[in-house]
PDB file of N, CA and C in Angstrom:
ATOM      1  N   MET A   1      45.476 -14.917  -5.279  1.00  0.00           N
ATOM      2  CA  MET A   1      46.942 -14.866  -5.139  1.00  0.00           C
ATOM      3  C   MET A   1      47.392 -15.467  -3.828  1.00  0.00           C
ATOM      4  N   GLU A   2      48.445 -16.194  -3.926  1.00  0.00           N
ATOM      5  CA  GLU A   2      49.063 -16.877  -2.841  1.00  0.00           C
ATOM      6  C   GLU A   2      49.745 -16.004  -1.857  1.00  0.00           C
ATOM      7  N   GLU A   3      49.543 -15.989  -0.611  1.00  0.00           N
ATOM      8  CA  GLU A   3      50.224 -15.226   0.384  1.00  0.00           C
ATOM      9  C   GLU A   3      51.700 -15.673   0.564  1.00  0.00           C
ATOM     10  N   GLN A   4      52.614 -14.817   0.496  1.00  0.00           N
ATOM     11  CA  GLN A   4      54.070 -15.222   0.699  1.00  0.00           C
ATOM     12  C   GLN A   4      54.339 -15.370   2.156  1.00  0.00           C
ATOM     13  N   ILE A   5      55.137 -16.405   2.440  1.00  0.00           N
ATOM     14  CA  ILE A   5      55.515 -16.781   3.876  1.00  0.00           C
ATOM     15  C   ILE A   5      56.713 -15.921   4.217  1.00  0.00           C
ATOM     16  N   LYS A   6      56.649 -15.242   5.381  1.00  0.00           N
ATOM     17  CA  LYS A   6      57.812 -14.492   5.857  1.00  0.00           C
ATOM     18  C   LYS A   6      58.758 -15.359   6.620  1.00  0.00           C
ATOM     19  N   PRO A   7      60.079 -15.080   6.347  1.00  0.00           N
ATOM     20  CA  PRO A   7      61.051 -15.798   7.185  1.00  0.00           C
ATOM     21  C   PRO A   7      60.970 -15.373   8.500  1.00  0.00           C
ATOM     22  N   THR A   8      61.415 -16.320   9.486  1.00  0.00           N
ATOM     23  CA  THR A   8      61.432 -15.978  10.881  1.00  0.00           C
ATOM     24  C   THR A   8      62.865 -15.408  11.195  1.00  0.00           C
ATOM     25  N   CYS A   9      62.849 -14.461  12.220  1.00  0.00           N
ATOM     26  CA  CYS A   9      64.026 -13.814  12.674  1.00  0.00           C
ATOM     27  C   CYS A   9      63.909 -13.641  14.163  1.00  0.00           C
ATOM     28  N   LYS A  10      64.854 -14.235  14.951  1.00  0.00           N
ATOM     29  CA  LYS A  10      65.014 -14.144  16.417  1.00  0.00           C
ATOM     30  C   LYS A  10      65.512 -12.794  16.771  1.00  0.00           C
ATOM     31  N   LEU A  11      64.590 -12.126  17.526  1.00  0.00           N
ATOM     32  CA  LEU A  11      65.047 -10.741  18.032  1.00  0.00           C
ATOM     33  C   LEU A  11      64.980 -10.662  19.582  1.00  0.00           C
ATOM     34  N   VAL A  12      64.093 -11.585  20.190  1.00  0.00           N
ATOM     35  CA  VAL A  12      63.936 -11.582  21.619  1.00  0.00           C
ATOM     36  C   VAL A  12      65.248 -11.970  22.254  1.00  0.00           C
ATOM     37  N   GLY A  13      65.707 -11.142  23.163  1.00  0.00           N
ATOM     38  CA  GLY A  13      66.927 -11.454  23.917  1.00  0.00           C
ATOM     39  C   GLY A  13      68.197 -11.037  23.165  1.00  0.00           C
ATOM     40  N   GLU A  14      68.052 -10.445  22.044  1.00  0.00           N
ATOM     41  CA  GLU A  14      69.156  -9.937  21.273  1.00  0.00           C
ATOM     42  C   GLU A  14      69.490  -8.521  21.476  1.00  0.00           C
ATOM     43  N   ASP A  15      70.614  -8.068  20.910  1.00  0.00           N
ATOM     44  CA  ASP A  15      71.066  -6.649  21.050  1.00  0.00           C
ATOM     45  C   ASP A  15      69.887  -5.776  20.404  1.00  0.00           C
ATOM     46  N   GLY A  16      69.515  -4.718  21.083  1.00  0.00           N
ATOM     47  CA  GLY A  16      68.415  -3.852  20.666  1.00  0.00           C
ATOM     48  C   GLY A  16      68.900  -2.739  19.737  1.00  0.00           C
ATOM     49  N   ASN A  17      70.194  -2.701  19.357  1.00  0.00           N
ATOM     50  CA  ASN A  17      70.636  -1.593  18.375  1.00  0.00           C
ATOM     51  C   ASN A  17      70.047  -1.831  17.100  1.00  0.00           C
ATOM     52  N   ILE A  18      69.424  -0.710  16.576  1.00  0.00           N
ATOM     53  CA  ILE A  18      68.552  -0.897  15.349  1.00  0.00           C
ATOM     54  C   ILE A  18      69.465  -1.375  14.185  1.00  0.00           C
ATOM     55  N   PHE A  19      70.714  -1.084  14.147  1.00  0.00           N
ATOM     56  CA  PHE A  19      71.551  -1.566  13.042  1.00  0.00           C
ATOM     57  C   PHE A  19      71.829  -3.063  13.171  1.00  0.00           C
ATOM     58  N   SER A  20      71.956  -3.505  14.385  1.00  0.00           N
ATOM     59  CA  SER A  20      72.171  -4.903  14.709  1.00  0.00           C
ATOM     60  C   SER A  20      70.892  -5.599  14.345  1.00  0.00           C
ATOM     61  N   ILE A  21      69.787  -5.133  14.647  1.00  0.00           N
ATOM     62  CA  ILE A  21      68.460  -5.754  14.258  1.00  0.00           C
ATOM     63  C   ILE A  21      68.386  -5.799  12.765  1.00  0.00           C
ATOM     64  N   LEU A  22      68.666  -4.652  12.128  1.00  0.00           N
ATOM     65  CA  LEU A  22      68.467  -4.625  10.695  1.00  0.00           C
ATOM     66  C   LEU A  22      69.427  -5.650  10.009  1.00  0.00           C
ATOM     67  N   GLY A  23      70.561  -5.819  10.474  1.00  0.00           N
ATOM     68  CA  GLY A  23      71.497  -6.800  10.003  1.00  0.00           C
ATOM     69  C   GLY A  23      70.897  -8.271  10.129  1.00  0.00           C
ATOM     70  N   ARG A  24      70.284  -8.514  11.211  1.00  0.00           N
ATOM     71  CA  ARG A  24      69.635  -9.912  11.443  1.00  0.00           C
ATOM     72  C   ARG A  24      68.516 -10.071  10.458  1.00  0.00           C
ATOM     73  N   VAL A  25      67.709  -9.063  10.311  1.00  0.00           N
ATOM     74  CA  VAL A  25      66.543  -9.088   9.337  1.00  0.00           C
ATOM     75  C   VAL A  25      67.036  -9.306   7.936  1.00  0.00           C
ATOM     76  N   SER A  26      67.979  -8.484   7.525  1.00  0.00           N
ATOM     77  CA  SER A  26      68.537  -8.569   6.209  1.00  0.00           C
ATOM     78  C   SER A  26      69.132 -10.028   5.935  1.00  0.00           C
ATOM     79  N   ARG A  27      69.892 -10.555   6.910  1.00  0.00           N
ATOM     80  CA  ARG A  27      70.436 -11.851   6.776  1.00  0.00           C
ATOM     81  C   ARG A  27      69.386 -12.950   6.581  1.00  0.00           C
ATOM     82  N   ALA A  28      68.310 -12.811   7.441  1.00  0.00           N
ATOM     83  CA  ALA A  28      67.187 -13.852   7.397  1.00  0.00           C
ATOM     84  C   ALA A  28      66.579 -13.806   5.986  1.00  0.00           C
ATOM     85  N   LEU A  29      66.329 -12.582   5.477  1.00  0.00           N
ATOM     86  CA  LEU A  29      65.774 -12.484   4.117  1.00  0.00           C
ATOM     87  C   LEU A  29      66.678 -13.049   3.068  1.00  0.00           C
ATOM     88  N   LYS A  30      67.938 -12.815   3.082  1.00  0.00           N
ATOM     89  CA  LYS A  30      68.916 -13.265   2.136  1.00  0.00           C
ATOM     90  C   LYS A  30      69.002 -14.815   2.251  1.00  0.00           C
ATOM     91  N   GLU A  31      68.974 -15.336   3.431  1.00  0.00           N
ATOM     92  CA  GLU A  31      69.113 -16.771   3.541  1.00  0.00           C
ATOM     93  C   GLU A  31      67.901 -17.529   3.031  1.00  0.00           C
ATOM     94  N   ASN A  32      66.826 -16.744   2.915  1.00  0.00           N
ATOM     95  CA  ASN A  32      65.579 -17.394   2.428  1.00  0.00           C
ATOM     96  C   ASN A  32      65.306 -16.961   1.025  1.00  0.00           C
ATOM     97  N   GLY A  33      66.330 -16.577   0.263  1.00  0.00           N
ATOM     98  CA  GLY A  33      66.165 -16.239  -1.214  1.00  0.00           C
ATOM     99  C   GLY A  33      65.482 -14.941  -1.489  1.00  0.00           C
ATOM    100  N   LYS A  34      65.495 -13.934  -0.550  1.00  0.00           N
ATOM    101  CA  LYS A  34      64.770 -12.716  -0.641  1.00  0.00           C
ATOM    102  C   LYS A  34      65.742 -11.519  -0.667  1.00  0.00           C
ATOM    103  N   ALA A  35      66.767 -11.660  -1.490  1.00  0.00           N
ATOM    104  CA  ALA A  35      67.783 -10.643  -1.511  1.00  0.00           C
ATOM    105  C   ALA A  35      67.235  -9.193  -1.928  1.00  0.00           C
ATOM    106  N   ASP A  36      66.258  -9.196  -2.895  1.00  0.00           N
ATOM    107  CA  ASP A  36      65.669  -7.970  -3.251  1.00  0.00           C
ATOM    108  C   ASP A  36      64.876  -7.323  -2.074  1.00  0.00           C
ATOM    109  N   GLU A  37      64.195  -8.140  -1.317  1.00  0.00           N
ATOM    110  CA  GLU A  37      63.460  -7.602  -0.121  1.00  0.00           C
ATOM    111  C   GLU A  37      64.376  -7.093   0.951  1.00  0.00           C
ATOM    112  N   ALA A  38      65.578  -7.819   0.992  1.00  0.00           N
ATOM    113  CA  ALA A  38      66.580  -7.432   2.059  1.00  0.00           C
ATOM    114  C   ALA A  38      67.125  -5.978   1.760  1.00  0.00           C
ATOM    115  N   LYS A  39      67.383  -5.733   0.417  1.00  0.00           N
ATOM    116  CA  LYS A  39      67.747  -4.377  -0.007  1.00  0.00           C
ATOM    117  C   LYS A  39      66.689  -3.350   0.320  1.00  0.00           C
ATOM    118  N   GLU A  40      65.430  -3.740  -0.032  1.00  0.00           N
ATOM    119  CA  GLU A  40      64.282  -2.898   0.135  1.00  0.00           C
ATOM    120  C   GLU A  40      64.147  -2.456   1.585  1.00  0.00           C
ATOM    121  N   VAL A  41      64.187  -3.468   2.508  1.00  0.00           N
ATOM    122  CA  VAL A  41      63.942  -3.148   3.925  1.00  0.00           C
ATOM    123  C   VAL A  41      65.061  -2.337   4.395  1.00  0.00           C
ATOM    124  N   ILE A  42      66.278  -2.415   3.990  1.00  0.00           N
ATOM    125  CA  ILE A  42      67.405  -1.538   4.458  1.00  0.00           C
ATOM    126  C   ILE A  42      67.076  -0.111   4.072  1.00  0.00           C
ATOM    127  N   GLU A  43      66.686   0.050   2.735  1.00  0.00           N
ATOM    128  CA  GLU A  43      66.393   1.419   2.174  1.00  0.00           C
ATOM    129  C   GLU A  43      65.187   2.063   3.038  1.00  0.00           C
ATOM    130  N   GLN A  44      64.165   1.287   3.348  1.00  0.00           N
ATOM    131  CA  GLN A  44      63.053   1.861   4.022  1.00  0.00           C
ATOM    132  C   GLN A  44      63.376   2.174   5.492  1.00  0.00           C
ATOM    133  N   VAL A  45      64.123   1.408   6.137  1.00  0.00           N
ATOM    134  CA  VAL A  45      64.508   1.700   7.451  1.00  0.00           C
ATOM    135  C   VAL A  45      65.382   2.884   7.559  1.00  0.00           C
ATOM    136  N   MET A  46      66.294   3.071   6.627  1.00  0.00           N
ATOM    137  CA  MET A  46      67.115   4.233   6.683  1.00  0.00           C
ATOM    138  C   MET A  46      66.336   5.476   6.501  1.00  0.00           C
ATOM    139  N   LEU A  47      65.194   5.440   5.795  1.00  0.00           N
ATOM    140  CA  LEU A  47      64.363   6.596   5.674  1.00  0.00           C
ATOM    141  C   LEU A  47      63.313   6.783   6.735  1.00  0.00           C
ATOM    142  N   SER A  48      63.307   5.859   7.768  1.00  0.00           N
ATOM    143  CA  SER A  48      62.259   5.933   8.784  1.00  0.00           C
ATOM    144  C   SER A  48      62.671   7.058   9.720  1.00  0.00           C
ATOM    145  N   GLY A  49      61.625   7.494  10.475  1.00  0.00           N
ATOM    146  CA  GLY A  49      61.827   8.682  11.349  1.00  0.00           C
ATOM    147  C   GLY A  49      62.003   8.342  12.780  1.00  0.00           C
ATOM    148  N   SER A  50      61.908   7.102  13.200  1.00  0.00           N
ATOM    149  CA  SER A  50      62.076   6.735  14.554  1.00  0.00           C
ATOM    150  C   SER A  50      62.417   5.310  14.693  1.00  0.00           C
ATOM    151  N   TYR A  51      62.890   4.865  15.871  1.00  0.00           N
ATOM    152  CA  TYR A  51      63.208   3.468  16.200  1.00  0.00           C
ATOM    153  C   TYR A  51      61.897   2.617  16.064  1.00  0.00           C
ATOM    154  N   ASP A  52      60.806   3.109  16.558  1.00  0.00           N
ATOM    155  CA  ASP A  52      59.505   2.293  16.448  1.00  0.00           C
ATOM    156  C   ASP A  52      59.105   2.135  14.967  1.00  0.00           C
ATOM    157  N   GLU A  53      59.270   3.135  14.237  1.00  0.00           N
ATOM    158  CA  GLU A  53      58.859   3.057  12.844  1.00  0.00           C
ATOM    159  C   GLU A  53      59.752   2.019  12.078  1.00  0.00           C
ATOM    160  N   ALA A  54      61.068   2.049  12.387  1.00  0.00           N
ATOM    161  CA  ALA A  54      62.067   1.171  11.819  1.00  0.00           C
ATOM    162  C   ALA A  54      61.617  -0.322  12.159  1.00  0.00           C
ATOM    163  N   LEU A  55      61.300  -0.539  13.498  1.00  0.00           N
ATOM    164  CA  LEU A  55      60.839  -1.868  13.871  1.00  0.00           C
ATOM    165  C   LEU A  55      59.590  -2.343  13.141  1.00  0.00           C
ATOM    166  N   GLN A  56      58.639  -1.427  13.016  1.00  0.00           N
ATOM    167  CA  GLN A  56      57.462  -1.753  12.232  1.00  0.00           C
ATOM    168  C   GLN A  56      57.705  -2.132  10.769  1.00  0.00           C
ATOM    169  N   ILE A  57      58.519  -1.456  10.201  1.00  0.00           N
ATOM    170  CA  ILE A  57      58.912  -1.720   8.848  1.00  0.00           C
ATOM    171  C   ILE A  57      59.536  -3.125   8.757  1.00  0.00           C
ATOM    172  N   MET A  58      60.490  -3.438   9.614  1.00  0.00           N
ATOM    173  CA  MET A  58      61.114  -4.760   9.558  1.00  0.00           C
ATOM    174  C   MET A  58      60.130  -5.864   9.828  1.00  0.00           C
ATOM    175  N   MET A  59      59.215  -5.614  10.722  1.00  0.00           N
ATOM    176  CA  MET A  59      58.229  -6.671  11.082  1.00  0.00           C
ATOM    177  C   MET A  59      57.307  -6.882   9.824  1.00  0.00           C
ATOM    178  N   GLU A  60      57.267  -6.094   8.842  1.00  0.00           N
ATOM    179  CA  GLU A  60      56.410  -6.351   7.658  1.00  0.00           C
ATOM    180  C   GLU A  60      57.124  -7.432   6.786  1.00  0.00           C
ATOM    181  N   TYR A  61      58.391  -7.603   6.972  1.00  0.00           N
ATOM    182  CA  TYR A  61      59.185  -8.464   6.111  1.00  0.00           C
ATOM    183  C   TYR A  61      59.461  -9.783   6.781  1.00  0.00           C
ATOM    184  N   VAL A  62      59.603  -9.819   8.105  1.00  0.00           N
ATOM    185  CA  VAL A  62      59.910 -11.095   8.798  1.00  0.00           C
ATOM    186  C   VAL A  62      59.006 -11.379   9.952  1.00  0.00           C
ATOM    187  N   GLU A  63      58.883 -12.587  10.328  1.00  0.00           N
ATOM    188  CA  GLU A  63      58.157 -13.033  11.545  1.00  0.00           C
ATOM    189  C   GLU A  63      59.090 -12.977  12.704  1.00  0.00           C
ATOM    190  N   VAL A  64      58.822 -12.177  13.650  1.00  0.00           N
ATOM    191  CA  VAL A  64      59.766 -12.006  14.748  1.00  0.00           C
ATOM    192  C   VAL A  64      59.497 -13.092  15.876  1.00  0.00           C
ATOM    193  N   GLU A  65      60.591 -13.686  16.293  1.00  0.00           N
ATOM    194  CA  GLU A  65      60.601 -14.636  17.374  1.00  0.00           C
ATOM    195  C   GLU A  65      61.083 -14.084  18.752  1.00  0.00           C
TER     196      GLU A  65
END
């Protein structure tokens, strides 16, 4: 099975608000034709129990710069 390439998302030096980060991650996914994954990551982050858990979830979907 071929491994899927994750889109890159610049987070270093950006606003640390979790909703701002989630918006950037979602946008990066959508811009790379992964609208279903964008919806999925939003749902998973909303169910997360902490800031760190939310970041870990988002990092499963994008490569962080």
